[in-house]
């Protein structure tokens, strides 16, 4: 059995230990786990954009600055630029993923893949 689980962040939905115990109670044993979707360049860019535009990580659109409605053209331009840059950072992040996954510890990944084997 292979389980992909969110292991970083906040909220009641992040509980990989619970899933591991449940899988093991059904007659499996954990044989491997490793980080997934480190996506460092993209995460760095998104974090930088959130910092520059004063948005928190929980906001849906990190680039949309808090401005009056009269500035919607500016918001539209900044949103387009943001998403065009994300179209570059995501593929680049995916390309670097195999190297990053070998170097970085599991705790730095937002997701983990857990591999279980049925006990004989």
PDB file of N, CA and C in Angstrom:
ATOM      1  N   UNK A   1       0.856  -1.165   0.000  1.00  0.00           N
ATOM      2  CA  UNK A   1       0.000   0.000   0.000  1.00  0.00           C
ATOM      3  C   UNK A   1       0.904   1.230   0.000  1.00  0.00           C
ATOM      4  N   UNK A   2       0.511   2.214  -0.776  1.00  0.00           N
ATOM      5  CA  UNK A   2       1.247   3.475  -0.839  1.00  0.00           C
ATOM      6  C   UNK A   2       0.311   4.585  -0.392  1.00  0.00           C
ATOM      7  N   UNK A   3       0.790   5.416   0.519  1.00  0.00           N
ATOM      8  CA  UNK A   3      -0.011   6.500   1.073  1.00  0.00           C
ATOM      9  C   UNK A   3       0.740   7.815   0.882  1.00  0.00           C
ATOM     10  N   UNK A   4       0.097   8.781   0.258  1.00  0.00           N
ATOM     11  CA  UNK A   4       0.641  10.126   0.118  1.00  0.00           C
ATOM     12  C   UNK A   4      -0.088  10.993   1.125  1.00  0.00           C
ATOM     13  N   UNK A   5       0.662  11.648   2.004  1.00  0.00           N
ATOM     14  CA  UNK A   5       0.041  12.392   3.097  1.00  0.00           C
ATOM     15  C   UNK A   5       0.700  13.750   3.277  1.00  0.00           C
ATOM     16  N   UNK A   6      -0.102  14.764   3.560  1.00  0.00           N
ATOM     17  CA  UNK A   6       0.392  16.093   3.909  1.00  0.00           C
ATOM     18  C   UNK A   6       0.986  16.003   5.313  1.00  0.00           C
ATOM     19  N   UNK A   7       2.231  16.437   5.477  1.00  0.00           N
ATOM     20  CA  UNK A   7       2.884  16.315   6.778  1.00  0.00           C
ATOM     21  C   UNK A   7       3.324  17.654   7.361  1.00  0.00           C
ATOM     22  N   UNK A   8       3.191  18.747   6.602  1.00  0.00           N
ATOM     23  CA  UNK A   8       3.561  20.074   7.106  1.00  0.00           C
ATOM     24  C   UNK A   8       2.379  21.002   6.992  1.00  0.00           C
ATOM     25  N   UNK A   9       2.375  21.998   7.831  1.00  0.00           N
ATOM     26  CA  UNK A   9       1.308  22.980   7.804  1.00  0.00           C
ATOM     27  C   UNK A   9       0.567  22.993   9.120  1.00  0.00           C
ATOM     28  N   UNK A  10      -0.568  23.656   9.110  1.00  0.00           N
ATOM     29  CA  UNK A  10      -1.383  23.755  10.320  1.00  0.00           C
ATOM     30  C   UNK A  10      -2.759  23.186  10.054  1.00  0.00           C
ATOM     31  N   UNK A  11      -3.362  22.699  11.091  1.00  0.00           N
ATOM     32  CA  UNK A  11      -4.730  22.214  10.964  1.00  0.00           C
ATOM     33  C   UNK A  11      -4.894  20.787  11.453  1.00  0.00           C
ATOM     34  N   UNK A  12      -6.123  20.419  11.708  1.00  0.00           N
ATOM     35  CA  UNK A  12      -6.394  19.090  12.253  1.00  0.00           C
ATOM     36  C   UNK A  12      -6.242  17.970  11.233  1.00  0.00           C
ATOM     37  N   UNK A  13      -6.090  18.294   9.968  1.00  0.00           N
ATOM     38  CA  UNK A  13      -6.002  17.274   8.921  1.00  0.00           C
ATOM     39  C   UNK A  13      -4.589  16.716   8.742  1.00  0.00           C
ATOM     40  N   UNK A  14      -3.618  17.233   9.479  1.00  0.00           N
ATOM     41  CA  UNK A  14      -2.236  16.779   9.333  1.00  0.00           C
ATOM     42  C   UNK A  14      -1.900  15.854  10.495  1.00  0.00           C
ATOM     43  N   UNK A  15      -1.941  14.574  10.221  1.00  0.00           N
ATOM     44  CA  UNK A  15      -1.659  13.584  11.260  1.00  0.00           C
ATOM     45  C   UNK A  15      -1.149  12.275  10.666  1.00  0.00           C
ATOM     46  N   UNK A  16       0.066  12.273  10.106  1.00  0.00           N
ATOM     47  CA  UNK A  16       0.567  11.057   9.463  1.00  0.00           C
ATOM     48  C   UNK A  16       0.707   9.885  10.423  1.00  0.00           C
ATOM     49  N   UNK A  17       1.014  10.140  11.694  1.00  0.00           N
ATOM     50  CA  UNK A  17       1.159   9.040  12.652  1.00  0.00           C
ATOM     51  C   UNK A  17      -0.134   8.258  12.792  1.00  0.00           C
ATOM     52  N   UNK A  18      -1.259   8.948  12.748  1.00  0.00           N
ATOM     53  CA  UNK A  18      -2.565   8.295  12.843  1.00  0.00           C
ATOM     54  C   UNK A  18      -2.763   7.344  11.664  1.00  0.00           C
ATOM     55  N   UNK A  19      -2.427   7.790  10.473  1.00  0.00           N
ATOM     56  CA  UNK A  19      -2.578   6.945   9.282  1.00  0.00           C
ATOM     57  C   UNK A  19      -1.638   5.742   9.330  1.00  0.00           C
ATOM     58  N   UNK A  20      -0.442   5.958   9.825  1.00  0.00           N
ATOM     59  CA  UNK A  20       0.511   4.851   9.933  1.00  0.00           C
ATOM     60  C   UNK A  20      -0.029   3.796  10.896  1.00  0.00           C
ATOM     61  N   UNK A  21      -0.507   4.229  12.057  1.00  0.00           N
ATOM     62  CA  UNK A  21      -1.063   3.280  13.032  1.00  0.00           C
ATOM     63  C   UNK A  21      -2.264   2.535  12.459  1.00  0.00           C
ATOM     64  N   UNK A  22      -3.128   3.256  11.744  1.00  0.00           N
ATOM     65  CA  UNK A  22      -4.305   2.599  11.160  1.00  0.00           C
ATOM     66  C   UNK A  22      -3.907   1.567  10.120  1.00  0.00           C
ATOM     67  N   UNK A  23      -2.955   1.908   9.266  1.00  0.00           N
ATOM     68  CA  UNK A  23      -2.510   0.954   8.243  1.00  0.00           C
ATOM     69  C   UNK A  23      -1.861  -0.263   8.890  1.00  0.00           C
ATOM     70  N   UNK A  24      -1.070  -0.038   9.923  1.00  0.00           N
ATOM     71  CA  UNK A  24      -0.409  -1.156  10.597  1.00  0.00           C
ATOM     72  C   UNK A  24      -1.403  -2.028  11.351  1.00  0.00           C
ATOM     73  N   UNK A  25      -2.494  -1.439  11.820  1.00  0.00           N
ATOM     74  CA  UNK A  25      -3.515  -2.235  12.516  1.00  0.00           C
ATOM     75  C   UNK A  25      -4.283  -3.145  11.551  1.00  0.00           C
ATOM     76  N   UNK A  26      -4.148  -2.894  10.259  1.00  0.00           N
ATOM     77  CA  UNK A  26      -4.811  -3.726   9.240  1.00  0.00           C
ATOM     78  C   UNK A  26      -3.866  -4.783   8.670  1.00  0.00           C
ATOM     79  N   UNK A  27      -2.757  -5.019   9.349  1.00  0.00           N
ATOM     80  CA  UNK A  27      -1.864  -6.082   8.918  1.00  0.00           C
ATOM     81  C   UNK A  27      -0.767  -5.660   7.964  1.00  0.00           C
ATOM     82  N   UNK A  28      -0.365  -4.410   7.997  1.00  0.00           N
ATOM     83  CA  UNK A  28       0.745  -3.959   7.157  1.00  0.00           C
ATOM     84  C   UNK A  28       1.880  -3.472   8.042  1.00  0.00           C
ATOM     85  N   UNK A  29       3.042  -3.330   7.453  1.00  0.00           N
ATOM     86  CA  UNK A  29       4.166  -2.727   8.175  1.00  0.00           C
ATOM     87  C   UNK A  29       4.797  -1.673   7.273  1.00  0.00           C
ATOM     88  N   UNK A  30       5.201  -0.591   7.873  1.00  0.00           N
ATOM     89  CA  UNK A  30       5.835   0.506   7.138  1.00  0.00           C
ATOM     90  C   UNK A  30       7.237   0.062   6.734  1.00  0.00           C
ATOM     91  N   UNK A  31       7.525   0.087   5.432  1.00  0.00           N
ATOM     92  CA  UNK A  31       8.854  -0.323   4.973  1.00  0.00           C
ATOM     93  C   UNK A  31       9.692   0.848   4.461  1.00  0.00           C
ATOM     94  N   UNK A  32       9.049   1.965   4.127  1.00  0.00           N
ATOM     95  CA  UNK A  32       9.802   3.124   3.640  1.00  0.00           C
ATOM     96  C   UNK A  32       8.924   4.363   3.692  1.00  0.00           C
ATOM     97  N   UNK A  33       9.544   5.499   3.851  1.00  0.00           N
ATOM     98  CA  UNK A  33       8.838   6.774   3.699  1.00  0.00           C
ATOM     99  C   UNK A  33       9.850   7.795   3.217  1.00  0.00           C
ATOM    100  N   UNK A  34       9.377   8.719   2.390  1.00  0.00           N
ATOM    101  CA  UNK A  34      10.266   9.738   1.860  1.00  0.00           C
ATOM    102  C   UNK A  34       9.464  10.981   1.519  1.00  0.00           C
ATOM    103  N   UNK A  35      10.164  12.123   1.493  1.00  0.00           N
ATOM    104  CA  UNK A  35       9.533  13.401   1.201  1.00  0.00           C
ATOM    105  C   UNK A  35       9.116  13.521  -0.245  1.00  0.00           C
ATOM    106  N   UNK A  36       8.107  14.363  -0.462  1.00  0.00           N
ATOM    107  CA  UNK A  36       7.572  14.563  -1.804  1.00  0.00           C
ATOM    108  C   UNK A  36       7.138  16.015  -1.953  1.00  0.00           C
ATOM    109  N   UNK A  37       7.328  16.564  -3.126  1.00  0.00           N
ATOM    110  CA  UNK A  37       6.938  17.942  -3.469  1.00  0.00           C
ATOM    111  C   UNK A  37       7.647  18.988  -2.615  1.00  0.00           C
ATOM    112  N   UNK A  38       8.963  18.899  -2.555  1.00  0.00           N
ATOM    113  CA  UNK A  38       9.717  19.933  -1.857  1.00  0.00           C
ATOM    114  C   UNK A  38       9.499  21.273  -2.564  1.00  0.00           C
ATOM    115  N   UNK A  39       9.610  21.275  -3.888  1.00  0.00           N
ATOM    116  CA  UNK A  39       9.352  22.445  -4.751  1.00  0.00           C
ATOM    117  C   UNK A  39       9.959  23.737  -4.200  1.00  0.00           C
ATOM    118  N   UNK A  40      11.230  23.687  -3.822  1.00  0.00           N
ATOM    119  CA  UNK A  40      11.870  24.836  -3.187  1.00  0.00           C
ATOM    120  C   UNK A  40      11.848  26.119  -4.004  1.00  0.00           C
ATOM    121  N   UNK A  41      12.239  26.112  -5.279  1.00  0.00           N
ATOM    122  CA  UNK A  41      12.200  27.384  -6.014  1.00  0.00           C
ATOM    123  C   UNK A  41      10.800  28.007  -6.046  1.00  0.00           C
ATOM    124  N   UNK A  42       9.777  27.190  -6.247  1.00  0.00           N
ATOM    125  CA  UNK A  42       8.415  27.725  -6.281  1.00  0.00           C
ATOM    126  C   UNK A  42       7.980  28.210  -4.905  1.00  0.00           C
ATOM    127  N   UNK A  43       8.281  27.450  -3.863  1.00  0.00           N
ATOM    128  CA  UNK A  43       7.918  27.873  -2.508  1.00  0.00           C
ATOM    129  C   UNK A  43       8.631  29.166  -2.125  1.00  0.00           C
ATOM    130  N   UNK A  44       9.895  29.290  -2.543  1.00  0.00           N
ATOM    131  CA  UNK A  44      10.655  30.509  -2.270  1.00  0.00           C
ATOM    132  C   UNK A  44      10.029  31.705  -2.979  1.00  0.00           C
ATOM    133  N   UNK A  45       9.682  31.528  -4.255  1.00  0.00           N
ATOM    134  CA  UNK A  45       9.058  32.619  -5.005  1.00  0.00           C
ATOM    135  C   UNK A  45       7.721  33.026  -4.379  1.00  0.00           C
ATOM    136  N   UNK A  46       6.866  32.055  -4.064  1.00  0.00           N
ATOM    137  CA  UNK A  46       5.553  32.365  -3.479  1.00  0.00           C
ATOM    138  C   UNK A  46       5.715  33.072  -2.134  1.00  0.00           C
ATOM    139  N   UNK A  47       6.668  32.621  -1.338  1.00  0.00           N
ATOM    140  CA  UNK A  47       6.916  33.249  -0.039  1.00  0.00           C
ATOM    141  C   UNK A  47       7.416  34.684  -0.207  1.00  0.00           C
ATOM    142  N   UNK A  48       8.307  34.877  -1.160  1.00  0.00           N
ATOM    143  CA  UNK A  48       8.825  36.218  -1.440  1.00  0.00           C
ATOM    144  C   UNK A  48       7.697  37.144  -1.910  1.00  0.00           C
ATOM    145  N   UNK A  49       6.842  36.656  -2.801  1.00  0.00           N
ATOM    146  CA  UNK A  49       5.715  37.462  -3.291  1.00  0.00           C
ATOM    147  C   UNK A  49       4.777  37.822  -2.143  1.00  0.00           C
ATOM    148  N   UNK A  50       4.532  36.882  -1.254  1.00  0.00           N
ATOM    149  CA  UNK A  50       3.656  37.145  -0.104  1.00  0.00           C
ATOM    150  C   UNK A  50       4.272  38.195   0.808  1.00  0.00           C
ATOM    151  N   UNK A  51       5.583  38.120   1.007  1.00  0.00           N
ATOM    152  CA  UNK A  51       6.270  39.092   1.849  1.00  0.00           C
ATOM    153  C   UNK A  51       6.253  40.482   1.212  1.00  0.00           C
ATOM    154  N   UNK A  52       6.555  40.556  -0.077  1.00  0.00           N
ATOM    155  CA  UNK A  52       6.609  41.849  -0.759  1.00  0.00           C
ATOM    156  C   UNK A  52       5.257  42.539  -0.814  1.00  0.00           C
ATOM    157  N   UNK A  53       4.198  41.760  -0.962  1.00  0.00           N
ATOM    158  CA  UNK A  53       2.874  42.357  -1.089  1.00  0.00           C
ATOM    159  C   UNK A  53       2.091  42.343   0.215  1.00  0.00           C
ATOM    160  N   UNK A  54       2.745  41.964   1.312  1.00  0.00           N
ATOM    161  CA  UNK A  54       2.128  42.050   2.629  1.00  0.00           C
ATOM    162  C   UNK A  54       0.950  41.123   2.839  1.00  0.00           C
ATOM    163  N   UNK A  55       0.983  39.957   2.225  1.00  0.00           N
ATOM    164  CA  UNK A  55      -0.112  39.012   2.372  1.00  0.00           C
ATOM    165  C   UNK A  55       0.352  37.866   3.253  1.00  0.00           C
ATOM    166  N   UNK A  56      -0.604  37.265   3.953  1.00  0.00           N
ATOM    167  CA  UNK A  56      -0.252  36.100   4.768  1.00  0.00           C
ATOM    168  C   UNK A  56      -0.385  34.848   3.923  1.00  0.00           C
ATOM    169  N   UNK A  57       0.213  33.761   4.381  1.00  0.00           N
ATOM    170  CA  UNK A  57       0.183  32.508   3.650  1.00  0.00           C
ATOM    171  C   UNK A  57      -1.204  31.917   3.522  1.00  0.00           C
ATOM    172  N   UNK A  58      -2.144  32.344   4.351  1.00  0.00           N
ATOM    173  CA  UNK A  58      -3.487  31.776   4.291  1.00  0.00           C
ATOM    174  C   UNK A  58      -4.358  32.450   3.239  1.00  0.00           C
ATOM    175  N   UNK A  59      -3.877  33.567   2.682  1.00  0.00           N
ATOM    176  CA  UNK A  59      -4.666  34.255   1.656  1.00  0.00           C
ATOM    177  C   UNK A  59      -4.653  33.475   0.357  1.00  0.00           C
ATOM    178  N   UNK A  60      -5.748  33.533  -0.361  1.00  0.00           N
ATOM    179  CA  UNK A  60      -5.866  32.802  -1.612  1.00  0.00           C
ATOM    180  C   UNK A  60      -4.955  33.376  -2.672  1.00  0.00           C
ATOM    181  N   UNK A  61      -4.887  34.667  -2.793  1.00  0.00           N
ATOM    182  CA  UNK A  61      -4.058  35.302  -3.809  1.00  0.00           C
ATOM    183  C   UNK A  61      -2.976  36.135  -3.133  1.00  0.00           C
ATOM    184  N   UNK A  62      -1.737  35.613  -3.041  1.00  0.00           N
ATOM    185  CA  UNK A  62      -0.693  36.317  -2.316  1.00  0.00           C
ATOM    186  C   UNK A  62      -0.218  37.592  -2.993  1.00  0.00           C
ATOM    187  N   UNK A  63      -0.577  37.826  -4.242  1.00  0.00           N
ATOM    188  CA  UNK A  63      -0.054  38.984  -4.948  1.00  0.00           C
ATOM    189  C   UNK A  63      -1.037  40.142  -4.974  1.00  0.00           C
ATOM    190  N   UNK A  64      -2.263  39.892  -4.654  1.00  0.00           N
ATOM    191  CA  UNK A  64      -3.262  40.952  -4.756  1.00  0.00           C
ATOM    192  C   UNK A  64      -3.126  41.892  -3.562  1.00  0.00           C
ATOM    193  N   UNK A  65      -2.519  43.068  -3.764  1.00  0.00           N
ATOM    194  CA  UNK A  65      -2.346  44.003  -2.654  1.00  0.00           C
ATOM    195  C   UNK A  65      -3.681  44.589  -2.198  1.00  0.00           C
ATOM    196  N   UNK A  66      -3.720  45.019  -0.959  1.00  0.00           N
ATOM    197  CA  UNK A  66      -4.932  45.641  -0.430  1.00  0.00           C
ATOM    198  C   UNK A  66      -4.978  47.086  -0.912  1.00  0.00           C
ATOM    199  N   UNK A  67      -5.773  47.329  -1.940  1.00  0.00           N
ATOM    200  CA  UNK A  67      -5.895  48.664  -2.520  1.00  0.00           C
ATOM    201  C   UNK A  67      -7.344  48.932  -2.856  1.00  0.00           C
ATOM    202  N   UNK A  68      -7.710  50.187  -3.042  1.00  0.00           N
ATOM    203  CA  UNK A  68      -9.078  50.511  -3.432  1.00  0.00           C
ATOM    204  C   UNK A  68      -9.425  49.931  -4.800  1.00  0.00           C
ATOM    205  N   UNK A  69     -10.709  49.830  -5.086  1.00  0.00           N
ATOM    206  CA  UNK A  69     -11.194  49.261  -6.348  1.00  0.00           C
ATOM    207  C   UNK A  69     -10.671  50.012  -7.567  1.00  0.00           C
ATOM    208  N   UNK A  70     -10.317  51.273  -7.412  1.00  0.00           N
ATOM    209  CA  UNK A  70      -9.829  52.055  -8.542  1.00  0.00           C
ATOM    210  C   UNK A  70      -8.509  51.517  -9.086  1.00  0.00           C
ATOM    211  N   UNK A  71      -7.842  50.693  -8.347  1.00  0.00           N
ATOM    212  CA  UNK A  71      -6.537  50.167  -8.763  1.00  0.00           C
ATOM    213  C   UNK A  71      -6.643  48.749  -9.318  1.00  0.00           C
ATOM    214  N   UNK A  72      -7.804  48.358  -9.784  1.00  0.00           N
ATOM    215  CA  UNK A  72      -7.996  46.969 -10.228  1.00  0.00           C
ATOM    216  C   UNK A  72      -7.103  46.617 -11.415  1.00  0.00           C
ATOM    217  N   UNK A  73      -6.797  47.601 -12.274  1.00  0.00           N
ATOM    218  CA  UNK A  73      -5.898  47.325 -13.396  1.00  0.00           C
ATOM    219  C   UNK A  73      -4.511  46.929 -12.887  1.00  0.00           C
ATOM    220  N   UNK A  74      -4.019  47.655 -11.883  1.00  0.00           N
ATOM    221  CA  UNK A  74      -2.729  47.332 -11.282  1.00  0.00           C
ATOM    222  C   UNK A  74      -2.753  45.939 -10.687  1.00  0.00           C
ATOM    223  N   UNK A  75      -3.852  45.591 -10.006  1.00  0.00           N
ATOM    224  CA  UNK A  75      -3.984  44.262  -9.411  1.00  0.00           C
ATOM    225  C   UNK A  75      -3.984  43.205 -10.499  1.00  0.00           C
ATOM    226  N   UNK A  76      -4.693  43.472 -11.566  1.00  0.00           N
ATOM    227  CA  UNK A  76      -4.776  42.521 -12.661  1.00  0.00           C
ATOM    228  C   UNK A  76      -3.402  42.276 -13.274  1.00  0.00           C
ATOM    229  N   UNK A  77      -2.631  43.321 -13.468  1.00  0.00           N
ATOM    230  CA  UNK A  77      -1.296  43.195 -14.035  1.00  0.00           C
ATOM    231  C   UNK A  77      -0.394  42.412 -13.084  1.00  0.00           C
ATOM    232  N   UNK A  78      -0.440  42.751 -11.802  1.00  0.00           N
ATOM    233  CA  UNK A  78       0.421  42.047 -10.847  1.00  0.00           C
ATOM    234  C   UNK A  78       0.030  40.578 -10.731  1.00  0.00           C
ATOM    235  N   UNK A  79      -1.267  40.298 -10.798  1.00  0.00           N
ATOM    236  CA  UNK A  79      -1.701  38.899 -10.752  1.00  0.00           C
ATOM    237  C   UNK A  79      -1.217  38.141 -11.979  1.00  0.00           C
ATOM    238  N   UNK A  80      -1.306  38.741 -13.150  1.00  0.00           N
ATOM    239  CA  UNK A  80      -0.831  38.075 -14.373  1.00  0.00           C
ATOM    240  C   UNK A  80       0.672  37.823 -14.313  1.00  0.00           C
ATOM    241  N   UNK A  81       1.417  38.809 -13.852  1.00  0.00           N
ATOM    242  CA  UNK A  81       2.866  38.642 -13.732  1.00  0.00           C
ATOM    243  C   UNK A  81       3.182  37.517 -12.746  1.00  0.00           C
ATOM    244  N   UNK A  82       2.481  37.541 -11.614  1.00  0.00           N
ATOM    245  CA  UNK A  82       2.689  36.505 -10.593  1.00  0.00           C
ATOM    246  C   UNK A  82       2.467  35.117 -11.182  1.00  0.00           C
ATOM    247  N   UNK A  83       1.346  34.912 -11.868  1.00  0.00           N
ATOM    248  CA  UNK A  83       1.025  33.584 -12.394  1.00  0.00           C
ATOM    249  C   UNK A  83       1.919  33.207 -13.569  1.00  0.00           C
ATOM    250  N   UNK A  84       2.381  34.169 -14.337  1.00  0.00           N
ATOM    251  CA  UNK A  84       3.341  33.856 -15.395  1.00  0.00           C
ATOM    252  C   UNK A  84       4.663  33.386 -14.789  1.00  0.00           C
ATOM    253  N   UNK A  85       5.085  34.036 -13.735  1.00  0.00           N
ATOM    254  CA  UNK A  85       6.313  33.609 -13.067  1.00  0.00           C
ATOM    255  C   UNK A  85       6.144  32.232 -12.411  1.00  0.00           C
ATOM    256  N   UNK A  86       4.958  31.972 -11.857  1.00  0.00           N
ATOM    257  CA  UNK A  86       4.695  30.642 -11.268  1.00  0.00           C
ATOM    258  C   UNK A  86       4.748  29.564 -12.340  1.00  0.00           C
ATOM    259  N   UNK A  87       4.362  29.897 -13.556  1.00  0.00           N
ATOM    260  CA  UNK A  87       4.446  28.919 -14.653  1.00  0.00           C
ATOM    261  C   UNK A  87       5.898  28.561 -14.969  1.00  0.00           C
ATOM    262  N   UNK A  88       6.822  29.373 -14.538  1.00  0.00           N
ATOM    263  CA  UNK A  88       8.243  29.073 -14.698  1.00  0.00           C
ATOM    264  C   UNK A  88       8.815  28.377 -13.461  1.00  0.00           C
ATOM    265  N   UNK A  89       8.433  28.858 -12.282  1.00  0.00           N
ATOM    266  CA  UNK A  89       9.024  28.313 -11.059  1.00  0.00           C
ATOM    267  C   UNK A  89       8.547  26.886 -10.757  1.00  0.00           C
ATOM    268  N   UNK A  90       7.312  26.560 -11.102  1.00  0.00           N
ATOM    269  CA  UNK A  90       6.811  25.209 -10.822  1.00  0.00           C
ATOM    270  C   UNK A  90       7.556  24.150 -11.656  1.00  0.00           C
ATOM    271  N   UNK A  91       7.661  24.304 -12.980  1.00  0.00           N
ATOM    272  CA  UNK A  91       8.424  23.293 -13.739  1.00  0.00           C
ATOM    273  C   UNK A  91       9.894  23.220 -13.320  1.00  0.00           C
ATOM    274  N   UNK A  92      10.486  24.374 -13.029  1.00  0.00           N
ATOM    275  CA  UNK A  92      11.877  24.361 -12.569  1.00  0.00           C
ATOM    276  C   UNK A  92      11.990  23.614 -11.250  1.00  0.00           C
ATOM    277  N   UNK A  93      11.032  23.832 -10.361  1.00  0.00           N
ATOM    278  CA  UNK A  93      11.010  23.123  -9.077  1.00  0.00           C
ATOM    279  C   UNK A  93      10.870  21.623  -9.292  1.00  0.00           C
ATOM    280  N   UNK A  94      10.002  21.233 -10.204  1.00  0.00           N
ATOM    281  CA  UNK A  94       9.808  19.807 -10.493  1.00  0.00           C
ATOM    282  C   UNK A  94      11.094  19.202 -11.057  1.00  0.00           C
ATOM    283  N   UNK A  95      11.807  19.950 -11.866  1.00  0.00           N
ATOM    284  CA  UNK A  95      13.047  19.479 -12.443  1.00  0.00           C
ATOM    285  C   UNK A  95      14.114  19.248 -11.366  1.00  0.00           C
ATOM    286  N   UNK A  96      14.158  20.100 -10.347  1.00  0.00           N
ATOM    287  CA  UNK A  96      15.154  19.976  -9.278  1.00  0.00           C
ATOM    288  C   UNK A  96      14.730  18.989  -8.189  1.00  0.00           C
ATOM    289  N   UNK A  97      13.503  18.535  -8.226  1.00  0.00           N
ATOM    290  CA  UNK A  97      12.943  17.684  -7.162  1.00  0.00           C
ATOM    291  C   UNK A  97      13.772  16.436  -6.845  1.00  0.00           C
ATOM    292  N   UNK A  98      14.228  15.641  -7.825  1.00  0.00           N
ATOM    293  CA  UNK A  98      14.996  14.434  -7.484  1.00  0.00           C
ATOM    294  C   UNK A  98      16.273  14.728  -6.685  1.00  0.00           C
ATOM    295  N   UNK A  99      16.947  15.809  -7.025  1.00  0.00           N
ATOM    296  CA  UNK A  99      18.169  16.178  -6.308  1.00  0.00           C
ATOM    297  C   UNK A  99      17.840  16.649  -4.900  1.00  0.00           C
ATOM    298  N   UNK A 100      16.840  17.521  -4.791  1.00  0.00           N
ATOM    299  CA  UNK A 100      16.445  18.066  -3.493  1.00  0.00           C
ATOM    300  C   UNK A 100      15.969  16.942  -2.567  1.00  0.00           C
ATOM    301  N   UNK A 101      15.215  15.991  -3.092  1.00  0.00           N
ATOM    302  CA  UNK A 101      14.686  14.887  -2.280  1.00  0.00           C
ATOM    303  C   UNK A 101      15.807  14.028  -1.701  1.00  0.00           C
ATOM    304  N   UNK A 102      16.923  13.921  -2.397  1.00  0.00           N
ATOM    305  CA  UNK A 102      18.052  13.131  -1.897  1.00  0.00           C
ATOM    306  C   UNK A 102      18.831  13.877  -0.818  1.00  0.00           C
ATOM    307  N   UNK A 103      18.828  15.193  -0.888  1.00  0.00           N
ATOM    308  CA  UNK A 103      19.631  16.012   0.009  1.00  0.00           C
ATOM    309  C   UNK A 103      18.882  16.392   1.288  1.00  0.00           C
ATOM    310  N   UNK A 104      17.617  16.738   1.163  1.00  0.00           N
ATOM    311  CA  UNK A 104      16.862  17.309   2.274  1.00  0.00           C
ATOM    312  C   UNK A 104      16.176  16.238   3.128  1.00  0.00           C
ATOM    313  N   UNK A 105      16.025  16.516   4.411  1.00  0.00           N
ATOM    314  CA  UNK A 105      15.328  15.569   5.280  1.00  0.00           C
ATOM    315  C   UNK A 105      13.821  15.581   5.024  1.00  0.00           C
ATOM    316  N   UNK A 106      13.173  14.516   5.427  1.00  0.00           N
ATOM    317  CA  UNK A 106      11.719  14.370   5.279  1.00  0.00           C
ATOM    318  C   UNK A 106      10.967  15.549   5.887  1.00  0.00           C
ATOM    319  N   UNK A 107      11.448  16.071   6.993  1.00  0.00           N
ATOM    320  CA  UNK A 107      10.754  17.159   7.696  1.00  0.00           C
ATOM    321  C   UNK A 107      10.630  18.436   6.870  1.00  0.00           C
ATOM    322  N   UNK A 108      11.417  18.585   5.813  1.00  0.00           N
ATOM    323  CA  UNK A 108      11.337  19.790   4.980  1.00  0.00           C
ATOM    324  C   UNK A 108      10.321  19.667   3.854  1.00  0.00           C
ATOM    325  N   UNK A 109       9.788  18.483   3.656  1.00  0.00           N
ATOM    326  CA  UNK A 109       8.819  18.262   2.577  1.00  0.00           C
ATOM    327  C   UNK A 109       7.405  18.535   3.074  1.00  0.00           C
ATOM    328  N   UNK A 110       6.547  19.102   2.229  1.00  0.00           N
ATOM    329  CA  UNK A 110       5.154  19.298   2.630  1.00  0.00           C
ATOM    330  C   UNK A 110       4.370  17.987   2.619  1.00  0.00           C
ATOM    331  N   UNK A 111       4.776  17.062   1.777  1.00  0.00           N
ATOM    332  CA  UNK A 111       4.100  15.770   1.673  1.00  0.00           C
ATOM    333  C   UNK A 111       5.115  14.653   1.882  1.00  0.00           C
ATOM    334  N   UNK A 112       4.597  13.507   2.272  1.00  0.00           N
ATOM    335  CA  UNK A 112       5.446  12.323   2.385  1.00  0.00           C
ATOM    336  C   UNK A 112       4.723  11.156   1.738  1.00  0.00           C
ATOM    337  N   UNK A 113       5.518  10.248   1.214  1.00  0.00           N
ATOM    338  CA  UNK A 113       4.982   9.011   0.668  1.00  0.00           C
ATOM    339  C   UNK A 113       5.391   7.900   1.621  1.00  0.00           C
ATOM    340  N   UNK A 114       4.400   7.156   2.081  1.00  0.00           N
ATOM    341  CA  UNK A 114       4.614   6.048   2.996  1.00  0.00           C
ATOM    342  C   UNK A 114       4.338   4.762   2.236  1.00  0.00           C
ATOM    343  N   UNK A 115       5.263   3.813   2.311  1.00  0.00           N
ATOM    344  CA  UNK A 115       5.131   2.541   1.608  1.00  0.00           C
ATOM    345  C   UNK A 115       4.981   1.440   2.656  1.00  0.00           C
ATOM    346  N   UNK A 116       3.885   0.700   2.560  1.00  0.00           N
ATOM    347  CA  UNK A 116       3.582  -0.379   3.498  1.00  0.00           C
ATOM    348  C   UNK A 116       3.614  -1.712   2.760  1.00  0.00           C
ATOM    349  N   UNK A 117       3.911  -2.760   3.504  1.00  0.00           N
ATOM    350  CA  UNK A 117       3.861  -4.121   2.968  1.00  0.00           C
ATOM    351  C   UNK A 117       2.945  -4.945   3.875  1.00  0.00           C
ATOM    352  N   UNK A 118       2.147  -5.767   3.254  1.00  0.00           N
ATOM    353  CA  UNK A 118       1.263  -6.636   4.012  1.00  0.00           C
ATOM    354  C   UNK A 118       2.096  -7.692   4.733  1.00  0.00           C
ATOM    355  N   UNK A 119       1.821  -7.868   6.034  1.00  0.00           N
ATOM    356  CA  UNK A 119       2.543  -8.876   6.807  1.00  0.00           C
ATOM    357  C   UNK A 119       2.084 -10.252   6.378  1.00  0.00           C
ATOM    358  N   UNK A 120       3.014 -11.159   6.241  1.00  0.00           N
ATOM    359  CA  UNK A 120       2.676 -12.529   5.832  1.00  0.00           C
ATOM    360  C   UNK A 120       2.445 -13.417   7.017  1.00  0.00           C
TER     361      UNK A 120
END
